[in-house]
Amino acid sequence: MHRFSFASLLLATSIFLAPASHAEDLKAVAASLDGYRFEFPCKDPMPENPKPGADGISARATADPATNDKFTDVKKFGGEAGKKYKVTLRVRGVVEPMMYKDGQQVGEYFYIGGAPNNATYNIYQLTVSSPAQHFFFNRQDKVGHKIFTIDYTATIEIEGGATLTLHGNGQNGKMITNFSKLVVPEVSPAPQPFNGQFIQLNVTDVVEMK
């Protein structure tokens, strides 16, 4: 008959639990990004029967050009300095289209580097200090009075301790309203439509790069 000591049982348990625990620890280094929301709410209440293609005044509109229809949040990424991590983001929201140039298109909506290529539509941007790079989330071939939902994943590299700058810029104090009353399932305020536009970032995976 085989006999197992309590110490042997603990060792065996730790072997099976360690990978999952390590994965959760790695996700924790990206906690500053997980759940972050870019929001452009409309100033006026959503009408019962919105006009298709309607634009509206941004609730972020001010008389000061330095703050008009724009915001910036600065956060610190976790992890160890000198180590790099691959971070997979799930990107969901209701947005209007925006064009970008001189960078790299990945998929339909994600854009790496480059610069905005229109002066009036909403910009959603994440900048990472190390390795230095910036990203846009609502890329389209052309702008127009349309609104659509996004739900995709994008993987980016971030060094431990890097500065994360999340920037939204509506550029002109207006936006294409959520005239279709679009809803992203399981993302607040679902099942109700958001009165305006938003993007929510959620971290789905973090891997330490060797």
N, C-alpha and C. Protein backbone atom coordinates (compact mmCIF):
# COMPACT_ATOMS: atom_id res chain seq x y z
N MET A 1 0.84 -1.19 0.00
CA MET A 1 0.00 0.00 0.00
C MET A 1 0.88 1.24 0.00
N HIS A 2 0.55 2.21 -0.86
CA HIS A 2 1.31 3.45 -0.91
C HIS A 2 0.77 4.42 0.13
N ARG A 3 1.68 5.08 0.81
CA ARG A 3 1.29 6.08 1.80
C ARG A 3 1.82 7.45 1.36
N PHE A 4 0.98 8.47 1.43
CA PHE A 4 1.38 9.82 1.06
C PHE A 4 1.39 10.69 2.31
N SER A 5 2.50 11.38 2.50
CA SER A 5 2.59 12.29 3.64
C SER A 5 1.83 13.57 3.33
N PHE A 6 1.52 14.34 4.36
CA PHE A 6 0.84 15.63 4.18
C PHE A 6 1.71 16.57 3.34
N ALA A 7 3.04 16.50 3.54
CA ALA A 7 3.96 17.35 2.76
C ALA A 7 3.90 17.01 1.29
N SER A 8 3.80 15.70 0.98
CA SER A 8 3.71 15.27 -0.42
C SER A 8 2.43 15.77 -1.05
N LEU A 9 1.34 15.75 -0.28
CA LEU A 9 0.06 16.22 -0.79
C LEU A 9 0.11 17.71 -1.09
N LEU A 10 0.75 18.48 -0.21
CA LEU A 10 0.88 19.92 -0.43
C LEU A 10 1.70 20.22 -1.68
N LEU A 11 2.79 19.45 -1.88
CA LEU A 11 3.64 19.64 -3.04
C LEU A 11 2.87 19.37 -4.32
N ALA A 12 2.13 18.27 -4.33
CA ALA A 12 1.36 17.92 -5.51
C ALA A 12 0.31 18.99 -5.82
N THR A 13 -0.33 19.49 -4.76
CA THR A 13 -1.35 20.54 -4.95
C THR A 13 -0.74 21.80 -5.52
N SER A 14 0.45 22.17 -5.02
CA SER A 14 1.09 23.39 -5.48
C SER A 14 1.51 23.29 -6.94
N ILE A 15 1.87 22.09 -7.37
CA ILE A 15 2.27 21.89 -8.77
C ILE A 15 1.09 22.17 -9.69
N PHE A 16 -0.11 21.71 -9.28
CA PHE A 16 -1.28 21.90 -10.13
C PHE A 16 -1.80 23.33 -10.08
N LEU A 17 -1.66 24.02 -8.96
CA LEU A 17 -2.20 25.36 -8.80
C LEU A 17 -1.26 26.46 -9.26
N ALA A 18 0.02 26.19 -9.29
CA ALA A 18 1.01 27.24 -9.58
C ALA A 18 0.79 27.94 -10.91
N PRO A 19 0.54 27.22 -12.03
CA PRO A 19 0.38 27.92 -13.30
C PRO A 19 -0.76 28.93 -13.30
N ALA A 20 -1.92 28.52 -12.76
CA ALA A 20 -3.06 29.43 -12.72
C ALA A 20 -2.77 30.63 -11.84
N SER A 21 -2.16 30.38 -10.69
CA SER A 21 -1.82 31.46 -9.77
C SER A 21 -0.85 32.42 -10.43
N HIS A 22 0.13 31.89 -11.15
CA HIS A 22 1.12 32.74 -11.80
C HIS A 22 0.46 33.59 -12.88
N ALA A 23 -0.49 33.00 -13.60
CA ALA A 23 -1.19 33.75 -14.65
C ALA A 23 -1.97 34.91 -14.05
N GLU A 24 -2.62 34.66 -12.91
CA GLU A 24 -3.38 35.73 -12.26
C GLU A 24 -2.45 36.81 -11.75
N ASP A 25 -1.27 36.43 -11.24
CA ASP A 25 -0.29 37.41 -10.78
C ASP A 25 0.15 38.29 -11.94
N LEU A 26 0.36 37.69 -13.11
CA LEU A 26 0.78 38.46 -14.27
C LEU A 26 -0.33 39.42 -14.71
N LYS A 27 -1.59 38.99 -14.68
CA LYS A 27 -2.68 39.88 -15.05
C LYS A 27 -2.75 41.07 -14.10
N ALA A 28 -2.34 40.86 -12.86
CA ALA A 28 -2.39 41.94 -11.88
C ALA A 28 -1.47 43.09 -12.23
N VAL A 29 -0.39 42.84 -12.98
CA VAL A 29 0.53 43.92 -13.32
C VAL A 29 -0.13 44.91 -14.28
N ALA A 30 -1.21 44.47 -14.94
CA ALA A 30 -1.91 45.35 -15.88
C ALA A 30 -3.22 45.88 -15.30
N ALA A 31 -3.33 45.86 -13.98
CA ALA A 31 -4.58 46.29 -13.33
C ALA A 31 -4.95 47.73 -13.65
N SER A 32 -3.96 48.59 -13.91
CA SER A 32 -4.24 50.00 -14.19
C SER A 32 -4.96 50.19 -15.53
N LEU A 33 -4.87 49.20 -16.41
CA LEU A 33 -5.55 49.26 -17.71
C LEU A 33 -6.90 48.54 -17.68
N ASP A 34 -7.01 47.53 -16.85
CA ASP A 34 -8.18 46.66 -16.86
C ASP A 34 -9.43 47.44 -16.44
N GLY A 35 -10.40 47.52 -17.33
CA GLY A 35 -11.64 48.20 -17.03
C GLY A 35 -11.65 49.68 -17.35
N TYR A 36 -10.54 50.21 -17.89
CA TYR A 36 -10.51 51.64 -18.21
C TYR A 36 -11.53 51.96 -19.30
N ARG A 37 -12.19 53.14 -19.16
CA ARG A 37 -13.18 53.57 -20.13
C ARG A 37 -12.87 54.97 -20.66
N PHE A 38 -12.82 55.08 -21.98
CA PHE A 38 -12.88 56.38 -22.63
C PHE A 38 -14.37 56.70 -22.76
N GLU A 39 -14.81 57.88 -22.35
CA GLU A 39 -16.22 58.22 -22.48
C GLU A 39 -16.42 59.61 -23.06
N PHE A 40 -17.31 59.70 -24.04
CA PHE A 40 -17.76 60.96 -24.60
C PHE A 40 -19.29 61.00 -24.47
N PRO A 41 -19.80 61.40 -23.33
CA PRO A 41 -21.26 61.48 -23.19
C PRO A 41 -21.83 62.68 -23.93
N CYS A 42 -23.08 62.54 -24.38
CA CYS A 42 -23.79 63.66 -25.01
C CYS A 42 -24.29 64.62 -23.93
N LYS A 43 -24.33 65.90 -24.27
CA LYS A 43 -24.82 66.91 -23.32
C LYS A 43 -26.31 66.77 -23.10
N ASP A 44 -27.07 66.53 -24.15
CA ASP A 44 -28.53 66.46 -24.05
C ASP A 44 -29.01 65.02 -23.89
N PRO A 45 -30.17 64.83 -23.25
CA PRO A 45 -30.71 63.48 -23.11
C PRO A 45 -30.98 62.85 -24.47
N MET A 46 -30.90 61.54 -24.50
CA MET A 46 -31.18 60.82 -25.73
C MET A 46 -32.67 60.87 -26.04
N PRO A 47 -33.05 61.33 -27.25
CA PRO A 47 -34.48 61.39 -27.58
C PRO A 47 -35.07 60.00 -27.76
N GLU A 48 -36.39 59.94 -27.67
CA GLU A 48 -37.07 58.66 -27.85
C GLU A 48 -36.84 58.10 -29.25
N ASN A 49 -36.91 58.98 -30.24
CA ASN A 49 -36.72 58.57 -31.63
C ASN A 49 -35.63 59.42 -32.26
N PRO A 50 -34.37 59.06 -32.01
CA PRO A 50 -33.26 59.87 -32.54
C PRO A 50 -33.25 59.90 -34.06
N LYS A 51 -32.81 61.01 -34.60
CA LYS A 51 -32.70 61.16 -36.03
C LYS A 51 -31.48 60.40 -36.54
N PRO A 52 -31.63 59.54 -37.54
CA PRO A 52 -30.47 58.80 -38.07
C PRO A 52 -29.36 59.75 -38.53
N GLY A 53 -28.14 59.46 -38.12
CA GLY A 53 -27.00 60.27 -38.51
C GLY A 53 -26.84 61.56 -37.73
N ALA A 54 -27.65 61.75 -36.70
CA ALA A 54 -27.63 63.02 -35.96
C ALA A 54 -26.32 63.20 -35.19
N ASP A 55 -25.86 64.46 -35.17
CA ASP A 55 -24.76 64.76 -34.27
C ASP A 55 -25.31 65.52 -33.07
N GLY A 56 -24.47 65.69 -32.04
CA GLY A 56 -24.89 66.35 -30.82
C GLY A 56 -23.72 67.02 -30.14
N ILE A 57 -24.03 67.81 -29.13
CA ILE A 57 -23.00 68.52 -28.37
C ILE A 57 -22.40 67.58 -27.33
N SER A 58 -21.08 67.54 -27.24
CA SER A 58 -20.40 66.73 -26.25
C SER A 58 -20.57 67.33 -24.86
N ALA A 59 -20.80 66.47 -23.88
CA ALA A 59 -20.86 66.93 -22.49
C ALA A 59 -19.50 67.41 -22.01
N ARG A 60 -18.45 67.11 -22.77
CA ARG A 60 -17.10 67.54 -22.42
C ARG A 60 -16.75 68.88 -23.07
N ALA A 61 -17.66 69.48 -23.80
CA ALA A 61 -17.39 70.75 -24.47
C ALA A 61 -17.22 71.87 -23.44
N THR A 62 -16.18 72.68 -23.62
CA THR A 62 -15.93 73.83 -22.76
C THR A 62 -15.56 75.03 -23.63
N ALA A 63 -15.47 76.20 -22.99
CA ALA A 63 -15.07 77.41 -23.72
C ALA A 63 -13.56 77.54 -23.83
N ASP A 64 -12.83 76.66 -23.16
CA ASP A 64 -11.37 76.71 -23.14
C ASP A 64 -10.81 75.73 -24.17
N PRO A 65 -10.12 76.22 -25.19
CA PRO A 65 -9.57 75.31 -26.22
C PRO A 65 -8.64 74.25 -25.64
N ALA A 66 -8.02 74.53 -24.51
CA ALA A 66 -7.08 73.58 -23.91
C ALA A 66 -7.79 72.35 -23.35
N THR A 67 -9.06 72.50 -22.99
CA THR A 67 -9.80 71.39 -22.39
C THR A 67 -11.04 71.00 -23.19
N ASN A 68 -11.37 71.77 -24.23
CA ASN A 68 -12.61 71.53 -24.96
C ASN A 68 -12.66 70.14 -25.57
N ASP A 69 -13.61 69.34 -25.09
CA ASP A 69 -13.91 68.03 -25.67
C ASP A 69 -12.70 67.09 -25.68
N LYS A 70 -11.86 67.18 -24.67
CA LYS A 70 -10.70 66.29 -24.61
C LYS A 70 -10.38 65.95 -23.15
N PHE A 71 -9.70 64.85 -22.94
CA PHE A 71 -9.29 64.43 -21.60
C PHE A 71 -8.06 63.55 -21.70
N THR A 72 -7.28 63.53 -20.63
CA THR A 72 -6.07 62.71 -20.57
C THR A 72 -5.95 62.11 -19.17
N ASP A 73 -5.75 60.80 -19.11
CA ASP A 73 -5.52 60.10 -17.84
C ASP A 73 -4.15 59.43 -17.91
N VAL A 74 -3.35 59.60 -16.88
CA VAL A 74 -2.01 59.01 -16.84
C VAL A 74 -1.98 57.94 -15.75
N LYS A 75 -1.51 56.75 -16.10
CA LYS A 75 -1.46 55.64 -15.17
C LYS A 75 -0.09 54.98 -15.24
N LYS A 76 0.21 54.16 -14.24
CA LYS A 76 1.48 53.44 -14.18
C LYS A 76 1.23 51.95 -14.34
N PHE A 77 1.98 51.35 -15.27
CA PHE A 77 1.89 49.90 -15.46
C PHE A 77 2.70 49.21 -14.36
N GLY A 78 2.25 48.04 -13.93
CA GLY A 78 2.94 47.31 -12.88
C GLY A 78 4.12 46.51 -13.42
N GLY A 79 4.48 45.46 -12.72
CA GLY A 79 5.59 44.61 -13.16
C GLY A 79 6.94 45.15 -12.76
N GLU A 80 7.98 44.51 -13.26
CA GLU A 80 9.36 44.86 -12.91
C GLU A 80 10.01 45.66 -14.03
N ALA A 81 10.71 46.71 -13.63
CA ALA A 81 11.44 47.52 -14.62
C ALA A 81 12.46 46.64 -15.33
N GLY A 82 12.59 46.81 -16.63
CA GLY A 82 13.51 46.01 -17.42
C GLY A 82 12.88 44.77 -18.02
N LYS A 83 11.71 44.38 -17.51
CA LYS A 83 11.00 43.23 -18.07
C LYS A 83 9.89 43.73 -19.00
N LYS A 84 9.67 43.01 -20.09
CA LYS A 84 8.62 43.36 -21.02
C LYS A 84 7.49 42.34 -20.94
N TYR A 85 6.29 42.83 -21.16
CA TYR A 85 5.10 41.99 -21.07
C TYR A 85 4.25 42.16 -22.33
N LYS A 86 3.69 41.06 -22.81
CA LYS A 86 2.70 41.12 -23.87
C LYS A 86 1.33 41.17 -23.21
N VAL A 87 0.59 42.22 -23.48
CA VAL A 87 -0.70 42.45 -22.85
C VAL A 87 -1.79 42.38 -23.92
N THR A 88 -2.75 41.49 -23.71
CA THR A 88 -3.87 41.37 -24.64
C THR A 88 -5.07 42.11 -24.08
N LEU A 89 -5.56 43.07 -24.87
CA LEU A 89 -6.70 43.88 -24.47
C LEU A 89 -7.94 43.47 -25.27
N ARG A 90 -9.05 43.39 -24.58
CA ARG A 90 -10.33 43.28 -25.28
C ARG A 90 -10.91 44.68 -25.37
N VAL A 91 -11.20 45.13 -26.57
CA VAL A 91 -11.61 46.50 -26.84
C VAL A 91 -13.08 46.48 -27.27
N ARG A 92 -13.96 47.08 -26.45
CA ARG A 92 -15.38 47.09 -26.75
C ARG A 92 -15.96 48.49 -26.59
N GLY A 93 -16.93 48.82 -27.41
CA GLY A 93 -17.55 50.11 -27.25
C GLY A 93 -18.48 50.48 -28.39
N VAL A 94 -18.95 51.73 -28.34
CA VAL A 94 -19.78 52.34 -29.37
C VAL A 94 -19.05 53.60 -29.82
N VAL A 95 -18.69 53.68 -31.08
CA VAL A 95 -17.82 54.76 -31.54
C VAL A 95 -18.23 55.27 -32.92
N GLU A 96 -17.71 56.44 -33.25
CA GLU A 96 -17.78 56.96 -34.61
C GLU A 96 -16.45 56.67 -35.30
N PRO A 97 -16.39 56.75 -36.63
CA PRO A 97 -15.16 56.42 -37.34
C PRO A 97 -14.14 57.55 -37.27
N MET A 98 -12.87 57.18 -37.39
CA MET A 98 -11.79 58.16 -37.46
C MET A 98 -10.70 57.60 -38.37
N MET A 99 -10.07 58.48 -39.14
CA MET A 99 -8.98 58.06 -40.03
C MET A 99 -7.63 58.38 -39.40
N TYR A 100 -6.65 57.51 -39.64
CA TYR A 100 -5.28 57.72 -39.18
C TYR A 100 -4.33 57.45 -40.34
N LYS A 101 -3.11 57.95 -40.24
CA LYS A 101 -2.15 57.81 -41.33
C LYS A 101 -0.75 57.58 -40.79
N ASP A 102 0.14 57.12 -41.67
CA ASP A 102 1.57 56.96 -41.40
C ASP A 102 1.87 55.96 -40.29
N GLY A 103 0.95 55.03 -40.05
CA GLY A 103 1.17 53.98 -39.07
C GLY A 103 0.84 52.63 -39.66
N GLN A 104 0.48 51.68 -38.81
CA GLN A 104 0.20 50.31 -39.25
C GLN A 104 -1.20 49.89 -38.86
N GLN A 105 -2.00 49.54 -39.83
CA GLN A 105 -3.34 49.02 -39.57
C GLN A 105 -3.27 47.55 -39.19
N VAL A 106 -3.96 47.19 -38.10
CA VAL A 106 -4.04 45.79 -37.67
C VAL A 106 -5.52 45.46 -37.51
N GLY A 107 -6.03 44.59 -38.35
CA GLY A 107 -7.45 44.32 -38.32
C GLY A 107 -8.22 45.50 -38.88
N GLU A 108 -9.50 45.57 -38.55
CA GLU A 108 -10.35 46.63 -39.11
C GLU A 108 -10.24 47.94 -38.35
N TYR A 109 -10.06 47.88 -37.01
CA TYR A 109 -10.19 49.08 -36.19
C TYR A 109 -8.92 49.52 -35.48
N PHE A 110 -7.97 48.62 -35.25
CA PHE A 110 -6.78 48.92 -34.45
C PHE A 110 -5.69 49.52 -35.33
N TYR A 111 -4.99 50.54 -34.80
CA TYR A 111 -3.97 51.23 -35.58
C TYR A 111 -2.77 51.52 -34.69
N ILE A 112 -1.59 51.14 -35.16
CA ILE A 112 -0.36 51.30 -34.39
C ILE A 112 0.45 52.47 -34.95
N GLY A 113 0.80 53.42 -34.07
CA GLY A 113 1.62 54.55 -34.48
C GLY A 113 0.87 55.51 -35.39
N GLY A 114 1.64 56.36 -36.08
CA GLY A 114 1.04 57.29 -37.01
C GLY A 114 0.37 58.47 -36.33
N ALA A 115 -0.58 59.07 -37.04
CA ALA A 115 -1.20 60.31 -36.57
C ALA A 115 -2.63 60.40 -37.07
N PRO A 116 -3.46 61.20 -36.41
CA PRO A 116 -4.83 61.42 -36.88
C PRO A 116 -4.83 62.03 -38.27
N ASN A 117 -5.86 61.67 -39.06
CA ASN A 117 -5.94 62.12 -40.44
C ASN A 117 -7.29 62.78 -40.72
N ASN A 118 -7.83 63.46 -39.70
CA ASN A 118 -9.07 64.22 -39.84
C ASN A 118 -9.15 65.17 -38.65
N ALA A 119 -9.77 66.32 -38.84
CA ALA A 119 -9.75 67.36 -37.81
C ALA A 119 -11.04 67.48 -37.01
N THR A 120 -12.01 66.58 -37.21
CA THR A 120 -13.29 66.77 -36.53
C THR A 120 -13.84 65.54 -35.81
N TYR A 121 -13.36 64.35 -36.11
CA TYR A 121 -13.96 63.15 -35.52
C TYR A 121 -13.16 62.68 -34.29
N ASN A 122 -13.81 61.85 -33.47
CA ASN A 122 -13.27 61.48 -32.16
C ASN A 122 -12.04 60.58 -32.25
N ILE A 123 -11.06 60.90 -31.41
CA ILE A 123 -9.81 60.15 -31.31
C ILE A 123 -9.77 59.39 -29.99
N TYR A 124 -9.41 58.12 -30.04
CA TYR A 124 -9.20 57.28 -28.85
C TYR A 124 -7.77 56.76 -28.92
N GLN A 125 -6.94 57.15 -27.95
CA GLN A 125 -5.51 56.87 -28.07
C GLN A 125 -4.92 56.38 -26.74
N LEU A 126 -4.05 55.39 -26.84
CA LEU A 126 -3.23 54.91 -25.72
C LEU A 126 -1.77 55.07 -26.11
N THR A 127 -0.99 55.74 -25.23
CA THR A 127 0.44 55.91 -25.45
C THR A 127 1.21 55.19 -24.35
N VAL A 128 2.19 54.39 -24.75
CA VAL A 128 3.04 53.65 -23.81
C VAL A 128 4.43 54.27 -23.86
N SER A 129 5.01 54.55 -22.68
CA SER A 129 6.31 55.22 -22.65
C SER A 129 7.45 54.28 -23.02
N SER A 130 7.32 52.98 -22.68
CA SER A 130 8.39 52.03 -22.97
C SER A 130 7.83 50.62 -23.14
N PRO A 131 8.12 49.96 -24.28
CA PRO A 131 8.77 50.55 -25.46
C PRO A 131 7.87 51.61 -26.07
N ALA A 132 8.44 52.74 -26.43
CA ALA A 132 7.66 53.90 -26.85
C ALA A 132 6.79 53.58 -28.07
N GLN A 133 5.48 53.73 -27.89
CA GLN A 133 4.54 53.48 -28.99
C GLN A 133 3.17 54.03 -28.60
N HIS A 134 2.36 54.32 -29.59
CA HIS A 134 0.98 54.72 -29.31
C HIS A 134 0.04 53.98 -30.25
N PHE A 135 -1.23 53.92 -29.82
CA PHE A 135 -2.22 53.09 -30.49
C PHE A 135 -3.55 53.84 -30.57
N PHE A 136 -4.30 53.59 -31.65
CA PHE A 136 -5.64 54.15 -31.82
C PHE A 136 -6.62 52.99 -31.97
N PHE A 137 -7.89 53.22 -31.58
CA PHE A 137 -8.83 52.11 -31.45
C PHE A 137 -10.05 52.15 -32.37
N ASN A 138 -10.26 53.23 -33.14
CA ASN A 138 -11.49 53.33 -33.95
C ASN A 138 -11.20 53.65 -35.41
N ARG A 139 -10.17 53.02 -35.96
CA ARG A 139 -9.74 53.30 -37.33
C ARG A 139 -10.78 52.87 -38.36
N GLN A 140 -10.99 53.74 -39.35
CA GLN A 140 -11.82 53.41 -40.51
C GLN A 140 -11.21 54.06 -41.75
N ASP A 141 -11.63 53.57 -42.92
CA ASP A 141 -11.11 54.11 -44.18
C ASP A 141 -11.62 55.52 -44.46
N LYS A 142 -12.80 55.83 -43.94
CA LYS A 142 -13.36 57.17 -44.14
C LYS A 142 -14.26 57.52 -42.97
N VAL A 143 -14.43 58.82 -42.76
CA VAL A 143 -15.31 59.29 -41.69
C VAL A 143 -16.71 59.50 -42.26
N GLY A 144 -17.67 59.75 -41.38
CA GLY A 144 -19.04 59.97 -41.81
C GLY A 144 -19.98 59.91 -40.63
N HIS A 145 -21.22 60.26 -40.86
CA HIS A 145 -22.22 60.29 -39.79
C HIS A 145 -22.77 58.90 -39.54
N LYS A 146 -21.91 58.05 -38.99
CA LYS A 146 -22.34 56.70 -38.64
C LYS A 146 -21.80 56.35 -37.27
N ILE A 147 -22.37 55.36 -36.66
CA ILE A 147 -21.99 54.89 -35.33
C ILE A 147 -21.97 53.36 -35.40
N PHE A 148 -21.06 52.72 -34.68
CA PHE A 148 -20.97 51.27 -34.76
C PHE A 148 -20.36 50.72 -33.47
N THR A 149 -20.59 49.45 -33.22
CA THR A 149 -19.99 48.79 -32.07
C THR A 149 -18.67 48.15 -32.48
N ILE A 150 -17.77 48.05 -31.51
CA ILE A 150 -16.52 47.33 -31.72
C ILE A 150 -16.36 46.29 -30.62
N ASP A 151 -15.75 45.19 -30.95
CA ASP A 151 -15.45 44.13 -29.99
C ASP A 151 -14.32 43.30 -30.60
N TYR A 152 -13.09 43.57 -30.19
CA TYR A 152 -11.94 42.86 -30.75
C TYR A 152 -10.83 42.80 -29.71
N THR A 153 -9.80 42.02 -29.98
CA THR A 153 -8.64 41.96 -29.09
C THR A 153 -7.41 42.50 -29.82
N ALA A 154 -6.51 43.08 -29.05
CA ALA A 154 -5.25 43.59 -29.58
C ALA A 154 -4.17 43.32 -28.54
N THR A 155 -3.02 42.87 -29.01
CA THR A 155 -1.90 42.57 -28.11
C THR A 155 -0.80 43.59 -28.31
N ILE A 156 -0.35 44.18 -27.20
CA ILE A 156 0.68 45.21 -27.24
C ILE A 156 1.79 44.86 -26.25
N GLU A 157 2.96 45.49 -26.43
CA GLU A 157 4.10 45.28 -25.53
C GLU A 157 4.22 46.45 -24.56
N ILE A 158 4.43 46.14 -23.28
CA ILE A 158 4.60 47.17 -22.26
C ILE A 158 5.72 46.74 -21.32
N GLU A 159 6.62 47.66 -21.01
CA GLU A 159 7.69 47.37 -20.06
C GLU A 159 7.21 47.65 -18.64
N GLY A 160 7.71 46.87 -17.71
CA GLY A 160 7.35 47.06 -16.32
C GLY A 160 7.63 48.48 -15.85
N GLY A 161 6.65 49.08 -15.17
CA GLY A 161 6.80 50.44 -14.67
C GLY A 161 6.57 51.53 -15.69
N ALA A 162 6.17 51.18 -16.92
CA ALA A 162 5.96 52.18 -17.97
C ALA A 162 4.81 53.11 -17.63
N THR A 163 4.86 54.30 -18.19
CA THR A 163 3.77 55.27 -18.05
C THR A 163 2.77 55.04 -19.17
N LEU A 164 1.49 55.00 -18.81
CA LEU A 164 0.41 54.81 -19.76
C LEU A 164 -0.40 56.09 -19.83
N THR A 165 -0.53 56.66 -21.02
CA THR A 165 -1.30 57.88 -21.19
C THR A 165 -2.51 57.57 -22.07
N LEU A 166 -3.69 57.72 -21.50
CA LEU A 166 -4.94 57.44 -22.21
C LEU A 166 -5.60 58.76 -22.54
N HIS A 167 -5.79 58.99 -23.83
CA HIS A 167 -6.22 60.31 -24.30
C HIS A 167 -7.42 60.19 -25.21
N GLY A 168 -8.42 61.02 -24.95
CA GLY A 168 -9.57 61.12 -25.83
C GLY A 168 -9.70 62.55 -26.31
N ASN A 169 -10.01 62.73 -27.59
CA ASN A 169 -10.14 64.06 -28.15
C ASN A 169 -11.26 64.08 -29.18
N GLY A 170 -12.35 64.80 -28.85
CA GLY A 170 -13.47 64.92 -29.78
C GLY A 170 -13.24 65.98 -30.83
N GLN A 171 -12.24 66.80 -30.64
CA GLN A 171 -11.71 67.80 -31.57
C GLN A 171 -12.61 69.03 -31.80
N ASN A 172 -13.92 68.87 -31.82
CA ASN A 172 -14.75 70.03 -32.18
C ASN A 172 -15.96 70.26 -31.28
N GLY A 173 -16.00 69.56 -30.15
CA GLY A 173 -17.12 69.76 -29.23
C GLY A 173 -18.41 69.08 -29.64
N LYS A 174 -18.36 68.30 -30.73
CA LYS A 174 -19.54 67.58 -31.20
C LYS A 174 -19.20 66.11 -31.38
N MET A 175 -20.23 65.31 -31.56
CA MET A 175 -20.04 63.88 -31.82
C MET A 175 -21.23 63.36 -32.61
N ILE A 176 -21.01 62.22 -33.25
CA ILE A 176 -22.14 61.49 -33.81
C ILE A 176 -22.83 60.79 -32.65
N THR A 177 -24.10 61.08 -32.46
CA THR A 177 -24.81 60.51 -31.31
C THR A 177 -25.05 59.01 -31.51
N ASN A 178 -25.39 58.35 -30.44
CA ASN A 178 -25.76 56.93 -30.51
C ASN A 178 -27.21 56.84 -30.99
N PHE A 179 -27.43 57.31 -32.23
CA PHE A 179 -28.79 57.43 -32.76
C PHE A 179 -29.45 56.08 -33.00
N SER A 180 -28.63 55.04 -33.13
CA SER A 180 -29.19 53.69 -33.32
C SER A 180 -29.42 52.98 -31.99
N LYS A 181 -29.10 53.67 -30.89
CA LYS A 181 -29.25 53.09 -29.54
C LYS A 181 -28.53 51.73 -29.46
N LEU A 182 -27.29 51.72 -29.94
CA LEU A 182 -26.50 50.50 -29.93
C LEU A 182 -26.09 50.13 -28.51
N VAL A 183 -26.02 48.84 -28.25
CA VAL A 183 -25.64 48.31 -26.94
C VAL A 183 -24.55 47.27 -27.13
N VAL A 184 -23.54 47.32 -26.26
CA VAL A 184 -22.52 46.27 -26.24
C VAL A 184 -22.88 45.31 -25.11
N PRO A 185 -23.24 44.07 -25.43
CA PRO A 185 -23.66 43.13 -24.38
C PRO A 185 -22.62 43.00 -23.27
N GLU A 186 -23.10 42.97 -22.03
CA GLU A 186 -22.29 42.75 -20.84
C GLU A 186 -21.37 43.92 -20.50
N VAL A 187 -21.51 45.04 -21.20
CA VAL A 187 -20.72 46.22 -20.88
C VAL A 187 -21.69 47.33 -20.46
N SER A 188 -21.46 47.91 -19.28
CA SER A 188 -22.33 48.95 -18.75
C SER A 188 -22.47 50.09 -19.76
N PRO A 189 -23.67 50.66 -19.91
CA PRO A 189 -24.89 50.45 -19.12
C PRO A 189 -25.84 49.39 -19.68
N ALA A 190 -25.33 48.42 -20.45
CA ALA A 190 -26.17 47.35 -20.99
C ALA A 190 -27.05 46.77 -19.88
N PRO A 191 -28.31 46.48 -20.22
CA PRO A 191 -28.91 46.41 -21.57
C PRO A 191 -29.40 47.76 -22.11
N GLN A 192 -29.15 48.86 -21.40
CA GLN A 192 -29.52 50.17 -21.91
C GLN A 192 -28.40 50.73 -22.80
N PRO A 193 -28.73 51.55 -23.79
CA PRO A 193 -27.69 52.16 -24.63
C PRO A 193 -27.00 53.30 -23.90
N PHE A 194 -25.71 53.49 -24.17
CA PHE A 194 -24.98 54.63 -23.62
C PHE A 194 -25.32 55.87 -24.43
N ASN A 195 -25.60 56.98 -23.75
CA ASN A 195 -25.96 58.22 -24.42
C ASN A 195 -24.69 58.95 -24.85
N GLY A 196 -24.12 58.51 -25.93
CA GLY A 196 -22.86 59.06 -26.43
C GLY A 196 -21.99 57.95 -26.96
N GLN A 197 -20.69 58.10 -26.77
CA GLN A 197 -19.73 57.10 -27.24
C GLN A 197 -18.80 56.67 -26.11
N PHE A 198 -18.28 55.45 -26.21
CA PHE A 198 -17.32 54.98 -25.21
C PHE A 198 -16.50 53.84 -25.78
N ILE A 199 -15.35 53.61 -25.15
CA ILE A 199 -14.56 52.40 -25.36
C ILE A 199 -14.13 51.90 -23.99
N GLN A 200 -14.33 50.62 -23.75
CA GLN A 200 -13.86 50.00 -22.51
C GLN A 200 -12.75 49.00 -22.84
N LEU A 201 -11.65 49.10 -22.08
CA LEU A 201 -10.53 48.17 -22.23
C LEU A 201 -10.56 47.16 -21.10
N ASN A 202 -10.42 45.90 -21.43
CA ASN A 202 -10.29 44.85 -20.41
C ASN A 202 -9.09 43.98 -20.75
N VAL A 203 -8.29 43.67 -19.75
CA VAL A 203 -7.10 42.84 -19.94
C VAL A 203 -7.52 41.38 -19.88
N THR A 204 -7.25 40.65 -20.95
CA THR A 204 -7.61 39.22 -20.99
C THR A 204 -6.42 38.31 -20.77
N ASP A 205 -5.19 38.82 -21.01
CA ASP A 205 -4.03 37.98 -20.83
C ASP A 205 -2.77 38.84 -20.72
N VAL A 206 -1.83 38.38 -19.90
CA VAL A 206 -0.51 39.02 -19.79
C VAL A 206 0.54 37.92 -19.79
N VAL A 207 1.54 38.06 -20.65
CA VAL A 207 2.62 37.09 -20.74
C VAL A 207 3.95 37.80 -20.62
N GLU A 208 4.81 37.32 -19.74
CA GLU A 208 6.15 37.91 -19.61
C GLU A 208 7.00 37.47 -20.79
N MET A 209 7.64 38.44 -21.45
CA MET A 209 8.47 38.14 -22.61
C MET A 209 9.87 37.74 -22.17
N LYS A 210 10.39 36.69 -22.75
CA LYS A 210 11.72 36.19 -22.38
C LYS A 210 12.78 36.75 -23.31
